[in-house]
Protein backbone atom coordinates (compact mmCIF):
# COMPACT_ATOMS: atom_id res chain seq x y z
CA MET A 1 88.32 -14.17 120.75
CA THR A 2 90.04 -10.76 120.68
CA GLU A 3 93.73 -10.76 121.65
CA SER A 4 95.76 -7.59 122.55
CA LEU A 5 98.94 -6.18 121.21
CA SER A 6 100.74 -3.29 122.71
CA ILE A 7 103.10 -0.96 120.55
CA SER A 8 105.58 1.43 122.08
CA ALA A 9 106.69 3.90 119.47
CA THR A 10 109.37 6.48 119.31
CA ALA A 11 107.12 9.14 117.96
CA HIS A 12 103.49 9.95 116.87
CA GLY A 13 104.22 11.14 113.26
CA LEU A 14 102.32 11.59 109.99
CA ASN A 15 104.63 8.86 108.45
CA TYR A 16 103.03 6.32 110.89
CA LEU A 17 99.41 7.19 109.29
CA PRO A 18 98.95 3.60 108.06
CA GLU A 19 98.79 2.22 111.56
CA TYR A 20 96.50 4.86 112.88
CA TYR A 21 94.27 4.17 109.85
CA ALA A 22 94.13 0.42 110.31
CA ASP A 23 92.99 0.99 114.06
CA HIS A 24 90.60 3.69 112.92
CA ALA A 25 88.95 1.49 110.07
CA GLY A 26 88.80 -1.61 112.20
CA LEU A 27 91.30 -3.49 110.25
CA PHE A 28 92.98 -4.81 113.31
CA ALA A 29 89.66 -5.65 115.10
CA GLU A 30 88.48 -7.55 111.84
CA ARG A 31 91.56 -9.85 112.66
CA GLY A 32 90.92 -10.31 116.32
CA LEU A 33 93.34 -7.76 117.66
CA SER A 34 92.86 -5.03 119.96
CA VAL A 35 96.01 -2.74 119.43
CA HIS A 36 97.10 -0.27 121.88
CA ALA A 37 99.88 2.34 120.73
CA THR A 38 101.91 4.71 122.91
CA ALA A 39 104.43 7.38 121.89
CA CYS A 40 107.34 7.30 124.33
CA ASP A 41 108.90 10.60 125.51
CA PRO A 42 111.94 10.11 125.65
CA TRP A 43 111.86 7.84 122.65
CA THR A 44 114.33 5.22 124.50
CA GLY A 45 111.23 4.27 126.62
CA VAL A 46 110.32 1.79 123.77
CA LEU A 47 113.29 -0.32 125.02
CA ASP A 48 112.14 -0.18 128.71
CA ASP A 49 108.62 -1.22 127.56
CA LEU A 50 109.85 -4.25 125.74
CA ASP A 51 112.15 -5.13 128.77
CA SER A 52 109.09 -4.85 131.12
CA GLY A 53 106.56 -6.61 128.79
CA ALA A 54 104.55 -3.31 128.80
CA ALA A 55 104.82 -3.40 125.12
CA ASP A 56 104.81 -6.46 122.78
CA ILE A 57 106.57 -4.65 119.87
CA ALA A 58 108.26 -1.36 119.46
CA LEU A 59 108.02 0.93 116.29
CA GLY A 60 111.25 3.01 115.35
CA GLY A 61 114.24 3.20 113.33
CA LEU A 62 116.01 0.30 111.96
CA TRP A 63 119.15 1.90 113.34
CA VAL A 64 118.16 0.84 117.10
CA PRO A 65 118.20 -3.06 116.21
CA GLY A 66 121.15 -2.41 114.21
CA MET A 67 123.26 -0.85 116.96
CA TYR A 68 122.18 -3.46 119.39
CA TRP A 69 122.90 -6.34 117.03
CA GLY A 70 125.51 -8.64 118.55
CA THR A 71 124.92 -7.46 122.23
CA SER A 72 123.03 -8.93 125.05
CA ARG A 73 119.81 -6.99 123.97
CA GLN A 74 118.33 -9.26 121.32
CA LEU A 75 115.85 -7.66 119.06
CA THR A 76 114.23 -9.18 115.79
CA VAL A 77 112.68 -6.93 113.18
CA PHE A 78 109.64 -8.50 111.34
CA ALA A 79 108.04 -5.59 108.99
CA GLN A 80 108.34 -1.96 108.13
CA LEU A 81 106.10 0.89 108.19
CA ASN A 82 108.26 3.35 105.96
CA HIS A 83 109.81 2.22 102.87
CA GLN A 84 111.70 5.50 102.31
CA PHE A 85 112.92 8.34 104.60
CA PRO A 86 110.11 10.91 104.90
CA LYS A 87 112.47 13.85 105.87
CA ALA A 88 113.34 17.10 104.23
CA LEU A 89 116.13 19.65 104.29
CA VAL A 90 114.92 23.25 104.82
CA MET A 91 117.16 26.26 103.82
CA ARG A 92 116.47 30.03 104.31
CA GLU A 93 116.55 30.55 100.40
CA MET A 94 116.81 28.40 97.26
CA PRO A 95 120.38 27.97 96.29
CA PRO A 96 121.40 29.73 92.97
CA LYS A 97 121.56 26.53 91.08
CA ASP A 98 119.75 23.16 91.40
CA PHE A 99 120.44 21.73 94.77
CA ASP A 100 123.21 19.22 95.28
CA TRP A 101 124.86 18.14 98.54
CA SER A 102 128.04 20.26 97.91
CA HIS A 103 125.84 23.43 98.68
CA LEU A 104 126.14 22.43 102.23
CA VAL A 105 129.98 22.81 102.33
CA GLY A 106 131.01 25.42 104.78
CA LYS A 107 127.40 25.79 105.85
CA THR A 108 125.73 24.98 109.45
CA VAL A 109 123.15 22.51 109.42
CA LEU A 110 120.90 21.94 112.49
CA ALA A 111 120.15 18.13 112.93
CA PRO A 112 117.54 17.35 115.72
CA GLY A 113 118.92 14.59 117.53
CA ILE A 114 116.94 14.10 120.90
CA GLY A 115 114.76 11.66 118.94
CA GLY A 116 117.71 9.74 117.55
CA SER A 117 120.53 10.07 115.21
CA ALA A 118 118.92 9.21 112.02
CA PRO A 119 118.33 12.67 110.78
CA TYR A 120 122.05 13.53 110.83
CA ALA A 121 123.14 9.90 109.84
CA ILE A 122 121.21 9.79 106.55
CA THR A 123 122.09 13.07 105.56
CA ALA A 124 125.79 12.34 105.95
CA GLY A 125 125.41 9.20 104.31
CA MET A 126 123.74 10.70 101.29
CA MET A 127 126.53 13.45 101.18
CA ARG A 128 129.18 10.68 101.10
CA GLU A 129 127.39 8.81 98.45
CA SER A 130 127.63 11.94 96.32
CA GLY A 131 131.15 12.55 96.88
CA VAL A 132 130.77 15.38 99.49
CA ASP A 133 132.72 15.00 102.92
CA PRO A 134 130.21 15.74 105.74
CA ALA A 135 133.06 16.95 107.76
CA ASP A 136 133.23 20.02 105.61
CA THR A 137 129.71 20.97 107.04
CA THR A 138 129.12 21.98 110.52
CA PHE A 139 126.21 19.92 112.10
CA LEU A 140 124.79 21.11 115.24
CA ARG A 141 123.18 17.95 116.94
CA ASP A 142 121.48 16.58 120.12
CA LEU A 143 118.71 19.06 120.65
CA SER A 144 114.96 18.68 120.00
CA THR A 145 113.12 19.58 116.72
CA PRO A 146 110.94 22.25 118.60
CA MET A 147 114.18 24.06 119.98
CA PHE A 148 116.18 23.77 116.73
CA VAL A 149 113.05 25.11 114.71
CA GLU A 150 112.56 28.16 116.96
CA LEU A 151 116.45 28.78 116.88
CA PHE A 152 116.42 28.35 113.10
CA GLU A 153 113.53 30.89 112.70
CA ASP A 154 115.55 33.30 114.94
CA GLY A 155 118.42 32.93 112.63
CA LEU A 156 120.57 30.18 113.85
CA GLY A 157 122.16 27.92 110.99
CA ASP A 158 121.81 27.93 107.19
CA ALA A 159 119.64 24.52 106.91
CA ILE A 160 117.73 22.27 109.19
CA ILE A 161 116.81 18.71 108.71
CA LEU A 162 113.08 17.94 109.44
CA ASP A 163 110.20 15.34 109.16
CA ILE A 164 107.86 16.32 106.29
CA THR A 165 105.05 17.88 108.41
CA THR A 166 107.45 20.20 110.14
CA ALA A 167 109.23 21.17 107.16
CA GLN A 168 105.85 21.85 105.37
CA THR A 169 104.85 23.86 108.44
CA LEU A 170 107.95 26.09 107.98
CA SER A 171 107.46 26.44 104.23
CA ASP A 172 103.61 27.37 104.77
CA ARG A 173 104.79 30.23 107.03
CA ASP A 174 107.44 31.35 104.76
CA ALA A 175 110.17 30.64 107.29
CA GLY A 176 112.16 28.31 105.07
CA ILE A 177 112.20 26.44 101.67
CA ILE A 178 112.08 22.64 101.30
CA VAL A 179 115.14 22.30 98.96
CA VAL A 180 115.42 18.47 99.25
CA ASP A 181 112.76 16.13 99.77
CA TYR A 182 114.71 12.89 100.97
CA ALA A 183 111.99 10.46 99.34
CA GLU A 184 112.84 12.06 96.06
CA VAL A 185 116.56 11.77 96.25
CA GLY A 186 117.37 9.19 98.78
CA GLY A 187 116.24 5.92 97.32
CA LEU A 188 114.61 3.07 99.47
CA GLY A 189 115.33 2.86 103.15
CA PRO A 190 113.56 1.17 106.07
CA ASN A 191 113.08 4.20 108.00
CA SER A 192 110.62 2.91 110.52
CA VAL A 193 110.24 -0.70 111.28
CA TYR A 194 108.46 -2.84 113.80
CA TYR A 195 110.70 -5.06 116.23
CA CYS A 196 110.21 -7.31 119.24
CA ARG A 197 112.49 -9.04 121.86
CA THR A 198 113.60 -12.11 120.10
CA ASP A 199 112.66 -14.25 123.02
CA ARG A 200 108.90 -13.34 122.55
CA LEU A 201 108.79 -14.09 118.71
CA GLU A 202 107.35 -17.57 118.98
CA GLU A 203 104.78 -16.28 121.46
CA LEU A 204 103.67 -13.29 119.31
CA HIS A 205 103.93 -15.01 115.96
CA ASP A 206 100.18 -15.42 115.08
CA ARG A 207 99.39 -11.91 116.37
CA LEU A 208 102.25 -10.39 114.42
CA ILE A 209 100.98 -12.15 111.07
CA ARG A 210 97.42 -10.67 111.59
CA PHE A 211 98.77 -7.34 112.55
CA THR A 212 101.00 -7.25 109.47
CA THR A 213 98.21 -8.16 107.27
CA ALA A 214 95.94 -5.38 108.68
CA LEU A 215 98.87 -2.87 108.22
CA SER A 216 99.59 -3.96 104.58
CA ALA A 217 95.80 -3.60 103.83
CA ALA A 218 95.80 -0.18 105.39
CA MET A 219 98.88 0.93 103.34
CA GLY A 220 97.27 0.03 100.00
CA THR A 221 94.21 2.02 101.02
CA ILE A 222 95.73 5.25 102.17
CA LYS A 223 98.29 5.35 99.48
CA HIS A 224 95.31 5.88 96.93
CA THR A 225 92.73 7.57 99.25
CA PRO A 226 92.13 11.36 98.36
CA VAL A 227 93.81 13.51 101.16
CA GLY A 228 90.32 15.04 101.55
CA GLU A 229 88.92 11.91 102.78
CA LEU A 230 91.73 11.45 105.26
CA GLU A 231 91.63 14.98 106.59
CA PRO A 232 89.28 13.82 109.67
CA LEU A 233 91.78 11.36 110.87
CA LEU A 234 94.60 13.85 110.22
CA ALA A 235 92.70 16.42 112.40
CA GLU A 236 91.91 13.84 115.14
CA HIS A 237 95.55 12.94 115.59
CA TRP A 238 97.35 16.35 115.15
CA PRO A 239 94.77 18.93 116.08
CA ALA A 240 97.28 21.48 116.87
CA ILE A 241 98.58 21.53 113.26
CA ALA A 242 96.83 23.50 110.54
CA LEU A 243 94.90 21.11 108.36
CA PRO A 244 96.19 22.50 105.01
CA THR A 245 99.69 21.85 106.23
CA LEU A 246 98.82 18.24 107.31
CA ALA A 247 97.07 17.55 103.93
CA ALA A 248 100.06 18.96 102.01
CA ALA A 249 102.53 16.85 103.97
CA CYS A 250 100.28 13.87 103.63
CA SER A 251 100.04 14.34 99.76
CA ARG A 252 103.82 14.39 99.63
CA ILE A 253 104.24 11.00 101.35
CA GLN A 254 101.60 9.42 99.20
CA GLN A 255 103.38 10.58 96.10
CA SER A 256 106.64 8.91 97.32
CA ARG A 257 107.26 5.08 97.92
CA THR A 258 107.20 5.49 101.79
CA TRP A 259 103.81 3.48 102.12
CA ASP A 260 104.42 1.14 99.34
CA THR A 261 105.12 -2.14 101.39
CA VAL A 262 105.64 -3.64 104.75
CA ARG A 263 108.44 -5.76 103.27
CA ILE A 264 111.87 -4.57 103.88
CA ASP A 265 114.17 -4.42 101.02
CA PRO A 266 117.40 -6.30 101.77
CA ASP A 267 119.66 -4.09 99.73
CA ALA A 268 118.18 -0.91 101.35
CA SER A 269 118.55 -2.34 104.95
CA ASP A 270 122.17 -3.16 104.01
CA ARG A 271 122.95 0.21 102.68
CA TRP A 272 121.47 1.93 105.88
CA MET A 273 123.62 -0.21 108.17
CA GLN A 274 126.74 0.56 105.97
CA ILE A 275 125.92 4.32 106.49
CA LEU A 276 125.76 3.70 110.21
CA GLN A 277 129.11 1.89 110.04
CA ASP A 278 130.77 4.73 108.16
CA GLU A 279 129.55 7.12 110.95
CA ASN A 280 131.16 4.49 113.49
CA MET A 281 127.55 4.00 114.99
CA VAL A 282 128.00 0.26 114.62
CA ARG A 283 131.19 -1.82 114.86
CA THR A 284 130.30 -4.03 111.90
CA ALA A 285 127.57 -3.48 109.70
CA PRO A 286 124.85 -6.20 110.32
CA LYS A 287 123.41 -7.84 107.22
CA PHE A 288 119.80 -7.84 106.49
CA ALA A 289 119.48 -11.61 107.41
CA ASP A 290 120.97 -10.74 110.95
CA LEU A 291 118.27 -8.19 111.60
CA VAL A 292 115.13 -9.16 109.77
CA ILE A 293 112.97 -12.32 109.68
CA THR A 294 110.69 -12.46 106.56
CA ASP A 295 108.27 -15.34 107.62
CA ILE A 296 105.79 -12.94 109.27
CA VAL A 297 105.48 -10.84 105.96
CA ASP A 298 105.51 -13.96 103.96
CA ALA A 299 102.61 -15.24 105.81
CA ALA A 300 100.71 -11.89 106.28
CA ALA A 301 99.18 -11.70 102.94
CA PRO A 302 99.94 -11.77 99.09
CA ALA A 303 99.78 -8.06 98.94
CA THR A 304 102.79 -7.82 101.15
CA VAL A 305 105.06 -9.39 98.63
CA GLY A 306 105.45 -6.49 96.36
């Protein structure tokens, strides 16, 4: 018997490729699941879909369950899709010396925010960790990525925070230089996670184990698959983006630890929540055990333990 599982996601991005591959390769179907995924615009639709039951699970940033922890909206995180933050900082020209966060002091940085606060928050967090006060940089926020990209190319700002694919696009058309790959300098972090309403966890438990098992298998495959073999799937999902750009961006992610495991690292989770607390985005930083259950990943497959 095939059971359905519906996902509402905050985006349709290259960093979500393991999920798309699992569906494409029949890994969900092999485990008796029919998985339907929708990208919400605006992204907050994932919360509406969880409320209404239109979606069984949501895919998006851990910061969302983190901000709702301790409120009337009870959410439980059970797995991750990204083990690092697949973002980049693009500048108009390479700094005269090796980049460090002090190069942003006195500069204006565009931080797209219509899809959430993570691009700004993780950047500010890494600046603080390196001893640089983000208050010494002007961050322009709250507008969409396409709008900020257009304005950046027309001269606004000194740098822009982007997803890897858009950063690669600017680089390929000589509109900017990738000076920081966050996966290279940012350490581990549960950038994109799966969560559900806590009151539906028992009902969904078996389906989530099968889903996570398939997802883990997909990660293991695409991490080591030559990009050329993935190009048909890339072109299917993002036909408007040049295939060489998609391939280069995919290769960057493959070489990072972004697709290493579905298991969320407790220290990485706690670090991310502390960054949110430093930004006053949460009243108290919730601990890993407050947000994440591990029994789904524990039961999914031996490969998920790494």
